[in-house]
Each structure stands twice: as structure tokens, then as C-alpha cells.
Amino acid sequence: MRPEQAHSPKRESGDERRAAVAEAARAIIIEKGLEGLRTRDIAERVGINIATLHYHVPTKEALVALVAESLRDDFKAQALRHPKAGLNGADQLRQEFNEFREIVAEMPELIGVLSELVDRARRDKSIADIILPMQAYWTEQFATVYRLGIADGSFRNTIDPAAAAVITTAALYDCWRPHRRDQLDGVFAELERAFSNPSHASQG
């Protein structure tokens, strides 16, 4: 091997380049909002030219889809650190709250970027087509937890799981904001009290 080969920089794979683009885009969305997202700024942060950027994300929709994919992957990776198999509904809800608490403390940009995209989706159908299914999936996860809790008796059997899930995700969206984060534990406690089955708790 020639000396210059030994010191040549490692060529990034396509996946690595796309991950870098997604990370740069997320940072700009947090700093400037979606309106301030410019391909030139992304290319500069990643260290590539515009043509290379457009090779990986040729359209606005492709860029938003890449950002959404990166958010989904990070949420999934975080959830895998906390298995829920075998837990009843109430304990799974607490686990979901613990995961959200970790995200707010360690990766607040995840919720921030998602919130920005959800807000833009109200005005842009192309973004709505990408983001709203992701939002619906998160809401359905909570609905599933509430249905489980009704079945195992840890939640009241009079609650509407779909409505409870909407209430819960709306509260969590609000609590990621810096001026709300000191209320996080109180919000979690109120949500648990609102849906828990008192008789089940007394049996435990």
C-alpha cells in the first residue's frame, strides 16, 4: 500500500451520506424552522455540493421523507432499549412516559422536529402524506396500551382508548417545549390518575 493510500479519507457509503443529510436537515429545522430549511445550508453542513445532495434527495418531499425516516428510526431504537413484553397496560403507559422523559432529556430535537413537521403538514399535503401516518402510528401505540389496560383491569373500562390516546399525545407534544418541561412529571401523574382503575390499584 502506498503512503498516500494509507492516509486517504474513508469514502462514505450512501446510507452514511443520507444519515448526515438527515442530521443536518434536522438541526436546521430546530434552528430556523421548516421555512428556513435550504438545500445550500444542508450541503454546506454535510460538506458536499448541491449536485451530490440532490442525488440523495432530489425533491422537497424526498428530503422530508428522509427526515421522517430518521426520526422513526431513532424512536424505534430508543423504544427497543425498554422492552414492554409481559407488562400490564398501566406499566406499559409508565414505560412510554419514561421513554418520553429520556427523549426530552437526551434528544429533545426529535419531538421538536416532529412537531414542526406536523404543524407544516396542516398547510402542505405533500408533507402531510409523509408525516401524518407517522403521527397516527404514535397515537395508535397509546390506544393499544389503553385497550390492553382495559382488558387487564389496570385502566377504567369506561374510557375511550382512541380519545385517551389523542389526549395523551397532545399533552406530550406540548411538554417537550422548554417552558413546559418542568411540568412533565405532573402531567404524567395526572394522565395516569385520569385513566387508571382505582380498584385495580388497591388490589396491587
Protein backbone atom coordinates (compact mmCIF):
# COMPACT_ATOMS: atom_id res chain seq x y z
CA MET A 1 0.00 0.00 0.00
CA ARG A 2 1.36 3.40 -0.95
CA PRO A 3 1.65 6.01 1.88
CA GLU A 4 -0.91 8.28 0.28
CA GLN A 5 -3.38 5.38 0.19
CA ALA A 6 -2.89 4.69 3.87
CA HIS A 7 -3.93 8.23 4.75
CA SER A 8 -6.72 8.71 2.22
CA PRO A 9 -10.11 9.55 3.78
CA LYS A 10 -12.68 6.79 4.05
CA ARG A 11 -15.34 7.02 1.38
CA GLU A 12 -18.82 7.39 2.90
CA SER A 13 -21.49 4.89 1.93
CA GLY A 14 -24.81 6.05 0.53
CA ASP A 15 -26.51 5.27 3.85
CA GLU A 16 -23.91 7.27 5.78
CA ARG A 17 -24.30 10.22 3.45
CA ARG A 18 -28.10 10.13 3.74
CA ALA A 19 -27.82 9.94 7.54
CA ALA A 20 -25.57 13.02 7.52
CA VAL A 21 -28.06 14.88 5.31
CA ALA A 22 -30.93 13.97 7.65
CA GLU A 23 -28.94 15.10 10.71
CA ALA A 24 -28.07 18.43 9.09
CA ALA A 25 -31.66 18.99 7.99
CA ARG A 26 -32.96 18.24 11.49
CA ALA A 27 -30.51 20.71 13.04
CA ILE A 28 -31.58 23.46 10.64
CA ILE A 29 -35.28 22.77 11.28
CA ILE A 30 -34.65 23.20 15.03
CA GLU A 31 -32.67 26.41 14.50
CA LYS A 32 -34.75 28.09 11.78
CA GLY A 33 -37.96 26.11 11.39
CA LEU A 34 -39.03 24.33 8.25
CA GLU A 35 -39.35 27.65 6.42
CA GLY A 36 -35.62 28.21 6.94
CA LEU A 37 -34.58 24.85 5.50
CA ARG A 38 -32.34 25.49 2.48
CA THR A 39 -30.55 22.85 0.46
CA ARG A 40 -27.45 25.04 0.20
CA ASP A 41 -27.20 25.18 4.01
CA ILE A 42 -27.60 21.41 4.27
CA ALA A 43 -24.92 20.78 1.65
CA GLU A 44 -22.53 23.15 3.42
CA ARG A 45 -23.01 21.42 6.78
CA VAL A 46 -22.53 17.97 5.30
CA GLY A 47 -19.55 19.08 3.22
CA ILE A 48 -20.94 18.17 -0.19
CA ASN A 49 -22.01 20.10 -3.27
CA ILE A 50 -25.61 20.76 -4.27
CA ALA A 51 -25.50 18.20 -7.09
CA THR A 52 -24.49 15.46 -4.67
CA LEU A 53 -27.21 16.50 -2.24
CA HIS A 54 -29.83 16.39 -4.99
CA TYR A 55 -28.62 12.92 -5.95
CA HIS A 56 -29.67 11.69 -2.49
CA VAL A 57 -32.74 13.92 -2.02
CA PRO A 58 -33.92 15.21 -5.41
CA THR A 59 -37.10 16.88 -4.12
CA LYS A 60 -38.50 18.58 -1.03
CA GLU A 61 -40.73 15.56 -0.47
CA ALA A 62 -37.71 13.25 -0.59
CA LEU A 63 -35.92 15.42 1.99
CA VAL A 64 -38.91 15.46 4.35
CA ALA A 65 -39.31 11.70 3.90
CA LEU A 66 -35.64 11.20 4.78
CA VAL A 67 -36.00 13.34 7.92
CA ALA A 68 -39.16 11.45 8.92
CA GLU A 69 -37.39 8.13 8.34
CA SER A 70 -34.51 9.23 10.57
CA LEU A 71 -36.94 10.27 13.32
CA ARG A 72 -38.78 6.96 13.09
CA ASP A 73 -35.52 5.01 13.31
CA ASP A 74 -34.39 6.96 16.38
CA PHE A 75 -37.75 6.49 18.11
CA LYS A 76 -37.63 2.75 17.39
CA ALA A 77 -34.06 2.41 18.64
CA GLN A 78 -34.96 4.24 21.84
CA ALA A 79 -38.03 2.05 22.40
CA LEU A 80 -36.01 -1.14 21.93
CA ARG A 81 -33.97 -0.21 24.99
CA HIS A 82 -37.13 -0.68 27.10
CA PRO A 83 -38.93 -3.95 26.30
CA LYS A 84 -42.61 -3.97 27.30
CA ALA A 85 -43.46 -7.64 26.82
CA GLY A 86 -45.33 -9.02 29.82
CA LEU A 87 -46.20 -5.64 31.33
CA ASN A 88 -49.82 -4.73 32.01
CA GLY A 89 -51.40 -1.65 30.48
CA ALA A 90 -50.62 0.69 33.37
CA ASP A 91 -46.97 -0.37 33.50
CA GLN A 92 -46.65 -0.04 29.73
CA LEU A 93 -48.02 3.50 29.97
CA ARG A 94 -45.42 4.34 32.63
CA GLN A 95 -42.75 2.87 30.38
CA GLU A 96 -43.93 5.06 27.50
CA PHE A 97 -43.71 8.07 29.80
CA ASN A 98 -40.20 7.06 30.91
CA GLU A 99 -39.13 6.81 27.27
CA PHE A 100 -40.56 10.24 26.53
CA ARG A 101 -38.78 11.65 29.59
CA GLU A 102 -35.50 10.25 28.24
CA ILE A 103 -36.13 11.73 24.80
CA VAL A 104 -36.83 15.17 26.26
CA ALA A 105 -33.65 14.98 28.36
CA GLU A 106 -31.30 13.39 25.81
CA MET A 107 -32.80 14.04 22.33
CA PRO A 108 -35.28 16.91 22.55
CA GLU A 109 -34.78 17.67 18.86
CA LEU A 110 -36.71 14.51 17.94
CA ILE A 111 -40.01 15.85 19.25
CA GLY A 112 -39.13 19.36 18.14
CA VAL A 113 -38.60 18.34 14.53
CA LEU A 114 -41.68 16.11 14.53
CA SER A 115 -43.80 18.93 15.97
CA GLU A 116 -42.53 21.35 13.30
CA LEU A 117 -43.35 18.89 10.53
CA VAL A 118 -46.81 18.14 11.94
CA ASP A 119 -47.55 21.87 12.03
CA ARG A 120 -46.41 22.31 8.41
CA ALA A 121 -48.46 19.26 7.37
CA ARG A 122 -51.63 21.23 8.11
CA ARG A 123 -50.76 23.51 5.18
CA ASP A 124 -48.84 21.20 2.86
CA LYS A 125 -50.44 17.99 1.63
CA SER A 126 -47.16 16.56 0.36
CA ILE A 127 -45.72 16.77 3.87
CA ALA A 128 -48.98 15.59 5.42
CA ASP A 129 -48.82 12.42 3.32
CA ILE A 130 -45.44 11.62 4.90
CA ILE A 131 -45.85 12.86 8.47
CA LEU A 132 -49.46 12.17 9.42
CA PRO A 133 -49.14 8.36 9.14
CA MET A 134 -46.16 8.58 11.49
CA GLN A 135 -48.16 10.72 13.93
CA ALA A 136 -51.10 8.33 13.65
CA TYR A 137 -48.82 5.36 14.41
CA TRP A 138 -47.60 7.02 17.63
CA THR A 139 -51.18 7.79 18.69
CA GLU A 140 -52.25 4.22 17.92
CA GLN A 141 -49.45 2.90 20.13
CA PHE A 142 -51.05 4.67 23.08
CA ALA A 143 -54.51 3.48 22.07
CA THR A 144 -53.17 -0.09 22.10
CA VAL A 145 -51.78 0.43 25.61
CA TYR A 146 -55.13 1.76 26.81
CA ARG A 147 -57.00 -1.16 25.24
CA LEU A 148 -54.62 -3.57 26.97
CA GLY A 149 -55.16 -1.79 30.28
CA ILE A 150 -58.93 -2.03 29.94
CA ALA A 151 -58.63 -5.75 29.21
CA ASP A 152 -56.33 -6.47 32.16
CA GLY A 153 -58.21 -4.19 34.55
CA SER A 154 -55.46 -1.65 35.18
CA PHE A 155 -57.47 1.08 33.38
CA ARG A 156 -61.12 2.02 33.76
CA ASN A 157 -63.37 0.13 31.37
CA THR A 158 -65.31 3.31 30.62
CA ILE A 159 -62.53 5.15 28.82
CA ASP A 160 -62.37 5.56 25.05
CA PRO A 161 -58.89 4.28 24.06
CA ALA A 162 -58.69 6.35 20.86
CA ALA A 163 -59.71 9.57 22.62
CA ALA A 164 -57.38 8.84 25.55
CA ALA A 165 -54.52 8.37 23.08
CA VAL A 166 -55.24 11.74 21.42
CA ILE A 167 -55.30 13.46 24.83
CA THR A 168 -52.03 11.80 25.79
CA THR A 169 -50.08 12.61 22.62
CA ALA A 170 -51.38 16.20 22.62
CA ALA A 171 -50.12 16.63 26.19
CA LEU A 172 -46.73 15.15 25.32
CA TYR A 173 -46.33 17.36 22.25
CA ASP A 174 -46.81 20.39 24.49
CA CYS A 175 -44.48 19.17 27.23
CA TRP A 176 -41.36 18.92 25.09
CA ARG A 177 -41.23 22.73 24.91
CA PRO A 178 -38.60 24.22 27.26
CA HIS A 179 -41.09 26.29 29.27
CA ARG A 180 -43.24 23.19 29.89
CA ARG A 181 -40.62 20.58 30.75
CA ASP A 182 -40.75 21.24 34.49
CA GLN A 183 -44.40 20.13 34.35
CA LEU A 184 -43.62 16.80 32.72
CA ASP A 185 -43.88 14.62 35.83
CA GLY A 186 -47.08 16.34 36.92
CA VAL A 187 -48.67 15.78 33.51
CA PHE A 188 -47.70 12.10 33.57
CA ALA A 189 -49.18 11.69 37.05
CA GLU A 190 -52.45 13.38 36.04
CA LEU A 191 -52.79 11.21 32.94
CA GLU A 192 -52.25 8.06 34.99
CA ARG A 193 -54.86 9.16 37.52
CA ALA A 194 -57.32 10.08 34.77
CA PHE A 195 -57.34 6.62 33.22
CA SER A 196 -56.33 4.21 35.99
CA ASN A 197 -58.71 1.80 37.66
CA PRO A 198 -58.71 2.63 41.40
CA SER A 199 -59.89 -0.83 42.38
CA HIS A 200 -57.04 -2.45 40.45
CA ALA A 201 -54.52 -0.22 42.20
CA SER A 202 -55.93 -1.10 45.61
CA GLN A 203 -55.63 -4.81 44.77
CA GLY A 204 -51.96 -4.35 43.99
